[in-house]
């Protein structure tokens, strides 16, 4: 059985998810798992897809970057699949781990993908450092600090930090910092 897995990082990438789902159906996937979650977050649907697969099945993804965040992560996924007798197929690369050549190619391509990601992050850090040097980079706008007055007012009403955080759409740590900054000032 062909089992598909599709993922995008954000809700804004709806079109990308739709393309993956379409392609997986065209490839003949009988069951498809999908999710919209960051590659570094817990991916429950990926886990469900791996759990669903049985010996002789093939897990299919349209692109390598939809599956794994690093060579190590890819290795763990492949190891789990192999232990169950499940092959892996990455469509845009033409890689199928049911063959020795496919396994080799997957490891090589995984290393290249990780290298490219690390290079991209390095270029990003360099760009941020240059922008800071030129005074053009300000960072993320502090959203919780702008709500300090509301935080204090809700705290004065007796609301817990968790309830304040939920009501204002910020983290409990941000509420704590706003309240303790007031106490130590």
N, C-alpha and C. Protein backbone atom coordinates (compact mmCIF):
# COMPACT_ATOMS: atom_id res chain seq x y z
N UNK A 1 0.84 -1.17 0.00
CA UNK A 1 0.00 0.00 0.00
C UNK A 1 0.89 1.24 0.00
N UNK A 2 0.51 2.24 -0.78
CA UNK A 2 1.20 3.52 -0.76
C UNK A 2 0.51 4.42 0.24
N UNK A 3 1.28 4.93 1.20
CA UNK A 3 0.77 5.82 2.25
C UNK A 3 1.45 7.17 2.05
N UNK A 4 0.66 8.24 1.91
CA UNK A 4 1.22 9.56 1.66
C UNK A 4 1.31 10.40 2.91
N UNK A 5 2.26 11.33 2.89
CA UNK A 5 2.41 12.31 3.98
C UNK A 5 2.66 13.67 3.35
N UNK A 6 1.86 14.66 3.75
CA UNK A 6 1.99 16.04 3.25
C UNK A 6 2.08 16.98 4.43
N UNK A 7 2.96 18.01 4.31
CA UNK A 7 3.11 18.98 5.40
C UNK A 7 3.50 20.34 4.85
N UNK A 8 2.92 21.37 5.44
CA UNK A 8 3.41 22.73 5.25
C UNK A 8 3.63 23.31 6.64
N UNK A 9 4.45 24.36 6.72
CA UNK A 9 4.79 24.93 8.01
C UNK A 9 3.70 25.83 8.57
N UNK A 10 3.00 26.55 7.70
CA UNK A 10 2.04 27.53 8.20
C UNK A 10 0.72 27.43 7.45
N UNK A 11 -0.29 28.04 8.04
CA UNK A 11 -1.61 28.08 7.41
C UNK A 11 -1.59 28.88 6.11
N UNK A 12 -0.63 29.82 6.00
CA UNK A 12 -0.53 30.64 4.79
C UNK A 12 -0.09 29.83 3.58
N UNK A 13 0.43 28.63 3.81
CA UNK A 13 0.93 27.79 2.72
C UNK A 13 -0.12 26.78 2.26
N UNK A 14 -1.39 27.17 2.31
CA UNK A 14 -2.49 26.29 1.94
C UNK A 14 -2.35 25.73 0.53
N UNK A 15 -1.93 26.58 -0.42
CA UNK A 15 -1.78 26.13 -1.81
C UNK A 15 -0.72 25.03 -1.91
N UNK A 16 0.36 25.15 -1.16
CA UNK A 16 1.41 24.14 -1.18
C UNK A 16 0.92 22.80 -0.66
N UNK A 17 0.06 22.85 0.35
CA UNK A 17 -0.50 21.62 0.89
C UNK A 17 -1.44 20.98 -0.12
N UNK A 18 -2.24 21.79 -0.76
CA UNK A 18 -3.18 21.27 -1.76
C UNK A 18 -2.44 20.60 -2.92
N UNK A 19 -1.33 21.17 -3.35
CA UNK A 19 -0.52 20.58 -4.44
C UNK A 19 0.03 19.23 -3.99
N UNK A 20 0.55 19.15 -2.78
CA UNK A 20 1.08 17.89 -2.28
C UNK A 20 -0.01 16.82 -2.23
N UNK A 21 -1.18 17.20 -1.70
CA UNK A 21 -2.29 16.25 -1.59
C UNK A 21 -2.71 15.75 -2.97
N UNK A 22 -2.79 16.67 -3.92
CA UNK A 22 -3.16 16.29 -5.29
C UNK A 22 -2.14 15.31 -5.86
N UNK A 23 -0.86 15.64 -5.72
CA UNK A 23 0.20 14.80 -6.27
C UNK A 23 0.21 13.41 -5.62
N UNK A 24 -0.01 13.34 -4.31
CA UNK A 24 -0.02 12.06 -3.62
C UNK A 24 -1.18 11.18 -4.10
N UNK A 25 -2.32 11.80 -4.35
CA UNK A 25 -3.47 11.05 -4.87
C UNK A 25 -3.18 10.52 -6.27
N UNK A 26 -2.57 11.38 -7.12
CA UNK A 26 -2.22 10.98 -8.49
C UNK A 26 -1.23 9.81 -8.47
N UNK A 27 -0.32 9.82 -7.50
CA UNK A 27 0.68 8.74 -7.39
C UNK A 27 0.07 7.43 -6.92
N UNK A 28 -1.18 7.48 -6.46
CA UNK A 28 -1.86 6.26 -6.06
C UNK A 28 -1.87 5.99 -4.57
N UNK A 29 -1.59 7.00 -3.75
CA UNK A 29 -1.62 6.80 -2.30
C UNK A 29 -3.06 6.52 -1.87
N UNK A 30 -3.24 5.41 -1.18
CA UNK A 30 -4.57 5.02 -0.73
C UNK A 30 -4.95 5.72 0.57
N UNK A 31 -3.97 6.06 1.37
CA UNK A 31 -4.19 6.75 2.64
C UNK A 31 -3.19 7.90 2.69
N UNK A 32 -3.67 9.11 3.05
CA UNK A 32 -2.80 10.28 3.10
C UNK A 32 -2.96 10.97 4.46
N UNK A 33 -1.84 11.24 5.09
CA UNK A 33 -1.80 11.99 6.35
C UNK A 33 -1.30 13.39 6.03
N UNK A 34 -1.92 14.40 6.63
CA UNK A 34 -1.53 15.78 6.34
C UNK A 34 -1.52 16.61 7.62
N UNK A 35 -0.66 17.65 7.62
CA UNK A 35 -0.65 18.57 8.75
C UNK A 35 0.02 19.88 8.36
N UNK A 36 -0.31 20.91 9.13
CA UNK A 36 0.30 22.22 8.94
C UNK A 36 0.98 22.58 10.25
N UNK A 37 2.27 22.26 10.30
CA UNK A 37 3.03 22.45 11.53
C UNK A 37 4.50 22.64 11.15
N UNK A 38 5.21 23.40 11.96
CA UNK A 38 6.63 23.64 11.74
C UNK A 38 7.40 22.32 11.78
N UNK A 39 8.49 22.26 11.04
CA UNK A 39 9.29 21.02 11.01
C UNK A 39 9.91 20.71 12.37
N UNK A 40 10.07 21.71 13.23
CA UNK A 40 10.68 21.47 14.53
C UNK A 40 9.66 21.12 15.60
N UNK A 41 8.38 21.30 15.31
CA UNK A 41 7.33 20.97 16.27
C UNK A 41 7.05 19.47 16.24
N UNK A 42 6.31 19.00 17.22
CA UNK A 42 5.87 17.61 17.22
C UNK A 42 4.91 17.42 16.05
N UNK A 43 5.19 16.41 15.25
CA UNK A 43 4.35 16.17 14.07
C UNK A 43 3.56 14.89 14.26
N UNK A 44 2.39 15.07 14.82
CA UNK A 44 1.54 13.94 15.17
C UNK A 44 1.10 13.14 13.94
N UNK A 45 0.85 13.81 12.83
CA UNK A 45 0.40 13.11 11.63
C UNK A 45 1.53 12.30 10.99
N UNK A 46 2.77 12.79 11.09
CA UNK A 46 3.90 11.99 10.61
C UNK A 46 4.03 10.73 11.45
N UNK A 47 3.92 10.89 12.76
CA UNK A 47 3.97 9.74 13.65
C UNK A 47 2.83 8.77 13.33
N UNK A 48 1.64 9.31 13.07
CA UNK A 48 0.48 8.47 12.74
C UNK A 48 0.71 7.73 11.43
N UNK A 49 1.31 8.41 10.45
CA UNK A 49 1.58 7.78 9.16
C UNK A 49 2.56 6.61 9.33
N UNK A 50 3.62 6.84 10.09
CA UNK A 50 4.61 5.78 10.32
C UNK A 50 3.97 4.62 11.07
N UNK A 51 3.15 4.93 12.09
CA UNK A 51 2.46 3.89 12.85
C UNK A 51 1.51 3.09 11.97
N UNK A 52 0.85 3.77 11.03
CA UNK A 52 -0.13 3.14 10.15
C UNK A 52 0.51 2.15 9.18
N UNK A 53 1.72 2.46 8.73
CA UNK A 53 2.39 1.63 7.72
C UNK A 53 2.66 0.22 8.25
N UNK A 54 2.49 -0.74 7.35
CA UNK A 54 2.74 -2.15 7.64
C UNK A 54 3.82 -2.67 6.71
N UNK A 55 4.36 -3.83 7.03
CA UNK A 55 5.40 -4.44 6.20
C UNK A 55 4.94 -4.53 4.75
N UNK A 56 5.81 -4.09 3.85
CA UNK A 56 5.50 -4.09 2.42
C UNK A 56 4.93 -2.78 1.92
N UNK A 57 4.51 -1.89 2.84
CA UNK A 57 4.00 -0.57 2.44
C UNK A 57 5.14 0.35 2.05
N UNK A 58 4.79 1.45 1.41
CA UNK A 58 5.76 2.49 1.07
C UNK A 58 5.20 3.83 1.51
N UNK A 59 5.96 4.58 2.31
CA UNK A 59 5.58 5.93 2.72
C UNK A 59 6.07 6.89 1.64
N UNK A 60 5.17 7.70 1.10
CA UNK A 60 5.49 8.58 -0.03
C UNK A 60 5.36 10.04 0.39
N UNK A 61 6.38 10.83 0.06
CA UNK A 61 6.32 12.29 0.21
C UNK A 61 6.70 12.91 -1.12
N UNK A 62 6.22 14.12 -1.37
CA UNK A 62 6.52 14.77 -2.64
C UNK A 62 7.92 15.38 -2.65
N UNK A 63 8.38 15.87 -1.47
CA UNK A 63 9.70 16.50 -1.37
C UNK A 63 10.34 16.12 -0.05
N UNK A 64 11.66 16.04 -0.03
CA UNK A 64 12.40 15.69 1.18
C UNK A 64 12.18 16.68 2.31
N UNK A 65 12.12 17.98 1.99
CA UNK A 65 11.98 18.99 3.05
C UNK A 65 10.62 18.95 3.73
N UNK A 66 9.66 18.25 3.16
CA UNK A 66 8.35 18.08 3.79
C UNK A 66 8.41 17.00 4.87
N UNK A 67 9.46 16.18 4.84
CA UNK A 67 9.56 15.03 5.74
C UNK A 67 10.46 15.30 6.94
N UNK A 68 11.73 15.62 6.69
CA UNK A 68 12.72 15.67 7.78
C UNK A 68 13.38 17.04 7.88
N UNK A 69 13.80 17.38 9.10
CA UNK A 69 14.45 18.67 9.33
C UNK A 69 15.97 18.58 9.33
N UNK A 70 16.51 17.35 9.41
CA UNK A 70 17.96 17.16 9.41
C UNK A 70 18.27 15.74 8.98
N UNK A 71 19.54 15.48 8.72
CA UNK A 71 19.97 14.14 8.35
C UNK A 71 19.70 13.17 9.51
N UNK A 72 19.94 13.63 10.72
CA UNK A 72 19.69 12.80 11.90
C UNK A 72 18.21 12.42 12.00
N UNK A 73 17.34 13.43 11.82
CA UNK A 73 15.90 13.19 11.88
C UNK A 73 15.47 12.24 10.76
N UNK A 74 16.00 12.47 9.57
CA UNK A 74 15.69 11.59 8.44
C UNK A 74 16.12 10.16 8.75
N UNK A 75 17.31 10.02 9.32
CA UNK A 75 17.82 8.70 9.67
C UNK A 75 16.90 7.98 10.65
N UNK A 76 16.39 8.71 11.63
CA UNK A 76 15.47 8.11 12.62
C UNK A 76 14.17 7.66 11.96
N UNK A 77 13.66 8.49 11.05
CA UNK A 77 12.43 8.12 10.34
C UNK A 77 12.66 6.86 9.52
N UNK A 78 13.75 6.85 8.74
CA UNK A 78 14.06 5.70 7.89
C UNK A 78 14.29 4.45 8.73
N UNK A 79 15.00 4.61 9.85
CA UNK A 79 15.26 3.48 10.74
C UNK A 79 13.95 2.87 11.26
N UNK A 80 13.02 3.75 11.66
CA UNK A 80 11.72 3.27 12.14
C UNK A 80 10.94 2.56 11.05
N UNK A 81 11.01 3.10 9.83
CA UNK A 81 10.31 2.47 8.71
C UNK A 81 10.93 1.12 8.36
N UNK A 82 12.26 1.08 8.30
CA UNK A 82 12.95 -0.17 7.95
C UNK A 82 12.66 -1.27 8.96
N UNK A 83 12.58 -0.89 10.24
CA UNK A 83 12.30 -1.88 11.29
C UNK A 83 10.94 -2.53 11.07
N UNK A 84 10.04 -1.81 10.41
CA UNK A 84 8.70 -2.33 10.14
C UNK A 84 8.61 -2.96 8.75
N UNK A 85 9.69 -2.91 7.97
CA UNK A 85 9.67 -3.44 6.62
C UNK A 85 8.97 -2.52 5.64
N UNK A 86 9.05 -1.20 5.92
CA UNK A 86 8.38 -0.19 5.09
C UNK A 86 9.43 0.59 4.30
N UNK A 87 9.17 0.81 3.02
CA UNK A 87 10.08 1.59 2.17
C UNK A 87 9.67 3.07 2.21
N UNK A 88 10.57 3.93 1.73
CA UNK A 88 10.32 5.37 1.68
C UNK A 88 10.51 5.82 0.24
N UNK A 89 9.62 6.67 -0.25
CA UNK A 89 9.75 7.18 -1.61
C UNK A 89 9.61 8.70 -1.57
N UNK A 90 10.58 9.39 -2.18
CA UNK A 90 10.55 10.84 -2.28
C UNK A 90 10.41 11.16 -3.76
N UNK A 91 9.24 11.61 -4.12
CA UNK A 91 8.85 11.68 -5.53
C UNK A 91 9.71 12.63 -6.35
N UNK A 92 9.91 13.87 -5.91
CA UNK A 92 10.62 14.83 -6.76
C UNK A 92 12.08 14.47 -6.97
N UNK A 93 12.62 13.59 -6.14
CA UNK A 93 14.02 13.16 -6.28
C UNK A 93 14.14 11.80 -6.96
N UNK A 94 13.02 11.12 -7.11
CA UNK A 94 13.05 9.79 -7.71
C UNK A 94 13.76 8.79 -6.83
N UNK A 95 13.69 8.96 -5.52
CA UNK A 95 14.38 8.09 -4.57
C UNK A 95 13.38 7.10 -3.98
N UNK A 96 13.78 5.84 -3.96
CA UNK A 96 12.96 4.78 -3.39
C UNK A 96 13.88 3.90 -2.56
N UNK A 97 13.67 3.86 -1.24
CA UNK A 97 14.58 3.12 -0.35
C UNK A 97 14.37 1.61 -0.39
N UNK A 98 13.51 1.15 -1.27
CA UNK A 98 13.37 -0.31 -1.38
C UNK A 98 14.55 -0.91 -2.15
N UNK A 99 15.44 -0.03 -2.68
CA UNK A 99 16.64 -0.49 -3.39
C UNK A 99 17.88 0.03 -2.67
N UNK A 100 19.00 -0.68 -2.76
CA UNK A 100 20.25 -0.19 -2.14
C UNK A 100 20.67 1.17 -2.70
N UNK A 101 20.51 1.37 -4.00
CA UNK A 101 20.88 2.66 -4.61
C UNK A 101 19.99 3.77 -4.06
N UNK A 102 18.72 3.47 -3.88
CA UNK A 102 17.79 4.45 -3.33
C UNK A 102 18.18 4.87 -1.92
N UNK A 103 18.62 3.89 -1.11
CA UNK A 103 19.06 4.19 0.26
C UNK A 103 20.29 5.10 0.24
N UNK A 104 21.24 4.79 -0.63
CA UNK A 104 22.45 5.60 -0.75
C UNK A 104 22.10 7.02 -1.17
N UNK A 105 21.26 7.14 -2.20
CA UNK A 105 20.88 8.46 -2.71
C UNK A 105 20.17 9.28 -1.64
N UNK A 106 19.33 8.66 -0.86
CA UNK A 106 18.60 9.37 0.19
C UNK A 106 19.56 9.94 1.22
N UNK A 107 20.57 9.16 1.62
CA UNK A 107 21.55 9.65 2.59
C UNK A 107 22.37 10.81 2.02
N UNK A 108 22.78 10.70 0.77
CA UNK A 108 23.54 11.77 0.14
C UNK A 108 22.70 13.04 0.03
N UNK A 109 21.49 12.89 -0.46
CA UNK A 109 20.61 14.05 -0.64
C UNK A 109 20.21 14.67 0.70
N UNK A 110 20.03 13.84 1.72
CA UNK A 110 19.73 14.36 3.05
C UNK A 110 20.87 15.23 3.57
N UNK A 111 22.10 14.78 3.33
CA UNK A 111 23.27 15.58 3.74
C UNK A 111 23.34 16.90 3.00
N UNK A 112 23.06 16.89 1.71
CA UNK A 112 23.07 18.12 0.91
C UNK A 112 21.98 19.07 1.40
N UNK A 113 20.79 18.53 1.69
CA UNK A 113 19.69 19.37 2.16
C UNK A 113 20.03 20.02 3.49
N UNK A 114 20.64 19.25 4.40
CA UNK A 114 21.02 19.82 5.69
C UNK A 114 22.10 20.89 5.51
N UNK A 115 23.06 20.64 4.64
CA UNK A 115 24.11 21.62 4.36
C UNK A 115 23.49 22.92 3.83
N UNK A 116 22.56 22.81 2.90
CA UNK A 116 21.92 24.00 2.32
C UNK A 116 21.15 24.77 3.39
N UNK A 117 20.46 24.08 4.27
CA UNK A 117 19.73 24.76 5.35
C UNK A 117 20.70 25.50 6.27
N UNK A 118 21.79 24.85 6.63
CA UNK A 118 22.79 25.50 7.49
C UNK A 118 23.40 26.72 6.80
N UNK A 119 23.65 26.63 5.51
CA UNK A 119 24.19 27.78 4.76
C UNK A 119 23.16 28.92 4.73
N UNK A 120 21.88 28.59 4.54
CA UNK A 120 20.83 29.60 4.52
C UNK A 120 20.75 30.30 5.88
N UNK A 121 20.84 29.54 6.97
CA UNK A 121 20.79 30.14 8.30
C UNK A 121 22.01 31.02 8.55
N UNK A 122 23.16 30.60 8.05
CA UNK A 122 24.37 31.41 8.19
C UNK A 122 24.23 32.73 7.44
N UNK A 123 23.70 32.66 6.21
CA UNK A 123 23.48 33.90 5.43
C UNK A 123 22.47 34.80 6.14
N UNK A 124 21.45 34.20 6.74
CA UNK A 124 20.45 34.98 7.46
C UNK A 124 21.09 35.69 8.66
N UNK A 125 21.92 34.97 9.43
CA UNK A 125 22.60 35.58 10.57
C UNK A 125 23.51 36.72 10.13
N UNK A 126 24.23 36.51 9.02
CA UNK A 126 25.10 37.55 8.50
C UNK A 126 24.30 38.78 8.08
N UNK A 127 23.16 38.56 7.44
CA UNK A 127 22.30 39.67 7.02
C UNK A 127 21.76 40.45 8.20
N UNK A 128 21.37 39.74 9.25
CA UNK A 128 20.86 40.41 10.46
C UNK A 128 21.98 41.21 11.12
N UNK A 129 23.17 40.62 11.21
CA UNK A 129 24.31 41.32 11.82
C UNK A 129 24.63 42.60 11.05
N UNK A 130 24.62 42.52 9.73
CA UNK A 130 24.90 43.70 8.90
C UNK A 130 23.81 44.76 9.08
N UNK A 131 22.56 44.34 9.11
CA UNK A 131 21.45 45.28 9.30
C UNK A 131 21.54 45.95 10.67
N UNK A 132 21.93 45.19 11.70
CA UNK A 132 22.09 45.77 13.04
C UNK A 132 23.22 46.80 13.04
N UNK A 133 24.32 46.44 12.37
CA UNK A 133 25.48 47.32 12.27
C UNK A 133 25.10 48.65 11.62
N UNK A 134 24.23 48.56 10.62
CA UNK A 134 23.79 49.77 9.90
C UNK A 134 22.60 50.45 10.56
N UNK A 135 22.14 49.88 11.69
CA UNK A 135 21.02 50.48 12.41
C UNK A 135 19.67 50.26 11.74
N UNK A 136 19.58 49.29 10.85
CA UNK A 136 18.32 49.03 10.14
C UNK A 136 17.51 47.90 10.76
N UNK A 137 18.10 47.12 11.65
CA UNK A 137 17.42 45.97 12.22
C UNK A 137 16.97 46.31 13.63
N UNK A 138 15.71 46.20 13.85
CA UNK A 138 15.15 46.53 15.16
C UNK A 138 14.68 45.29 15.91
N UNK A 139 14.56 44.17 15.23
CA UNK A 139 14.06 42.96 15.88
C UNK A 139 12.54 42.94 15.90
N UNK A 140 12.02 41.94 16.58
CA UNK A 140 10.58 41.79 16.68
C UNK A 140 10.01 42.84 17.63
N UNK A 141 8.89 43.38 17.27
CA UNK A 141 8.23 44.37 18.11
C UNK A 141 7.75 43.71 19.40
N UNK A 142 8.05 44.30 20.57
CA UNK A 142 7.64 43.70 21.84
C UNK A 142 6.13 43.82 22.06
N UNK A 143 5.41 42.77 21.78
CA UNK A 143 3.94 42.83 21.86
C UNK A 143 3.44 42.78 23.30
N UNK A 144 4.09 42.01 24.16
CA UNK A 144 3.61 41.88 25.53
C UNK A 144 3.82 43.17 26.33
N UNK A 145 4.94 43.84 26.10
CA UNK A 145 5.20 45.09 26.84
C UNK A 145 4.13 46.14 26.56
N UNK A 146 3.62 46.12 25.35
CA UNK A 146 2.58 47.09 25.00
C UNK A 146 1.28 46.82 25.77
N UNK A 147 1.17 45.63 26.35
CA UNK A 147 -0.05 45.26 27.07
C UNK A 147 0.15 45.31 28.59
N UNK A 148 1.22 45.91 29.04
CA UNK A 148 1.54 45.95 30.47
C UNK A 148 0.41 46.55 31.30
N UNK A 149 -0.19 47.63 30.83
CA UNK A 149 -1.28 48.27 31.57
C UNK A 149 -2.46 47.31 31.73
N UNK A 150 -2.81 46.61 30.66
CA UNK A 150 -3.91 45.65 30.72
C UNK A 150 -3.56 44.48 31.64
N UNK A 151 -2.31 44.05 31.59
CA UNK A 151 -1.85 42.94 32.45
C UNK A 151 -2.03 43.33 33.91
N UNK A 152 -1.58 44.51 34.26
CA UNK A 152 -1.68 44.97 35.65
C UNK A 152 -3.13 45.12 36.08
N UNK A 153 -3.96 45.63 35.19
CA UNK A 153 -5.38 45.82 35.51
C UNK A 153 -6.06 44.47 35.76
N UNK A 154 -5.78 43.49 34.91
CA UNK A 154 -6.39 42.17 35.08
C UNK A 154 -5.86 41.48 36.34
N UNK A 155 -4.59 41.68 36.64
CA UNK A 155 -4.01 41.11 37.85
C UNK A 155 -4.67 41.73 39.08
N UNK A 156 -4.93 43.03 39.03
CA UNK A 156 -5.58 43.72 40.14
C UNK A 156 -7.00 43.20 40.37
N UNK A 157 -7.60 42.68 39.31
CA UNK A 157 -8.95 42.10 39.42
C UNK A 157 -8.91 40.69 40.00
N UNK A 158 -7.70 40.16 40.21
CA UNK A 158 -7.55 38.85 40.81
C UNK A 158 -7.40 37.70 39.83
N UNK A 159 -7.23 37.99 38.54
CA UNK A 159 -7.07 36.93 37.56
C UNK A 159 -5.68 36.30 37.70
N UNK A 160 -5.60 35.01 37.46
CA UNK A 160 -4.31 34.31 37.52
C UNK A 160 -3.48 34.69 36.29
N UNK A 161 -2.19 34.41 36.39
CA UNK A 161 -1.31 34.72 35.25
C UNK A 161 -1.74 33.93 34.01
N UNK A 162 -2.15 32.69 34.20
CA UNK A 162 -2.58 31.87 33.06
C UNK A 162 -3.82 32.46 32.38
N UNK A 163 -4.76 32.92 33.19
CA UNK A 163 -5.99 33.51 32.63
C UNK A 163 -5.69 34.83 31.93
N UNK A 164 -4.79 35.62 32.49
CA UNK A 164 -4.40 36.89 31.86
C UNK A 164 -3.75 36.59 30.51
N UNK A 165 -2.83 35.63 30.50
CA UNK A 165 -2.13 35.27 29.26
C UNK A 165 -3.11 34.82 28.20
N UNK A 166 -4.06 34.00 28.58
CA UNK A 166 -5.04 33.48 27.61
C UNK A 166 -5.91 34.62 27.08
N UNK A 167 -6.35 35.48 27.95
CA UNK A 167 -7.23 36.59 27.54
C UNK A 167 -6.51 37.56 26.60
N UNK A 168 -5.23 37.80 26.84
CA UNK A 168 -4.49 38.78 26.04
C UNK A 168 -3.73 38.13 24.87
N UNK A 169 -3.73 36.81 24.81
CA UNK A 169 -3.05 36.12 23.70
C UNK A 169 -1.54 36.22 23.77
N UNK A 170 -1.00 36.16 24.99
CA UNK A 170 0.45 36.20 25.18
C UNK A 170 0.86 35.05 26.09
N UNK A 171 2.14 34.87 26.26
CA UNK A 171 2.62 33.79 27.10
C UNK A 171 2.57 34.12 28.58
N UNK A 172 2.49 33.08 29.40
CA UNK A 172 2.47 33.25 30.85
C UNK A 172 3.76 33.92 31.32
N UNK A 173 4.88 33.56 30.69
CA UNK A 173 6.17 34.17 31.04
C UNK A 173 6.15 35.68 30.80
N UNK A 174 5.50 36.11 29.74
CA UNK A 174 5.40 37.54 29.45
C UNK A 174 4.59 38.24 30.53
N UNK A 175 3.51 37.60 30.98
CA UNK A 175 2.69 38.16 32.06
C UNK A 175 3.53 38.27 33.32
N UNK A 176 4.26 37.21 33.63
CA UNK A 176 5.10 37.18 34.83
C UNK A 176 6.14 38.31 34.79
N UNK A 177 6.80 38.48 33.62
CA UNK A 177 7.81 39.54 33.50
C UNK A 177 7.18 40.92 33.68
N UNK A 178 6.01 41.12 33.12
CA UNK A 178 5.35 42.42 33.24
C UNK A 178 4.99 42.70 34.69
N UNK A 179 4.53 41.70 35.40
CA UNK A 179 4.13 41.89 36.81
C UNK A 179 5.34 42.03 37.74
N UNK A 180 6.40 41.27 37.50
CA UNK A 180 7.58 41.35 38.38
C UNK A 180 8.40 42.59 38.08
N UNK A 181 8.37 43.07 36.84
CA UNK A 181 9.09 44.31 36.52
C UNK A 181 8.48 45.45 37.31
N UNK A 182 7.20 45.42 37.51
CA UNK A 182 6.47 46.44 38.26
C UNK A 182 6.84 46.34 39.74
N UNK A 183 6.96 45.09 40.25
CA UNK A 183 7.25 44.88 41.66
C UNK A 183 8.67 45.29 42.02
N UNK A 184 9.62 45.12 41.09
CA UNK A 184 11.01 45.46 41.40
C UNK A 184 11.37 46.89 41.05
N UNK A 185 10.50 47.58 40.34
CA UNK A 185 10.79 48.94 39.92
C UNK A 185 10.60 49.94 41.03
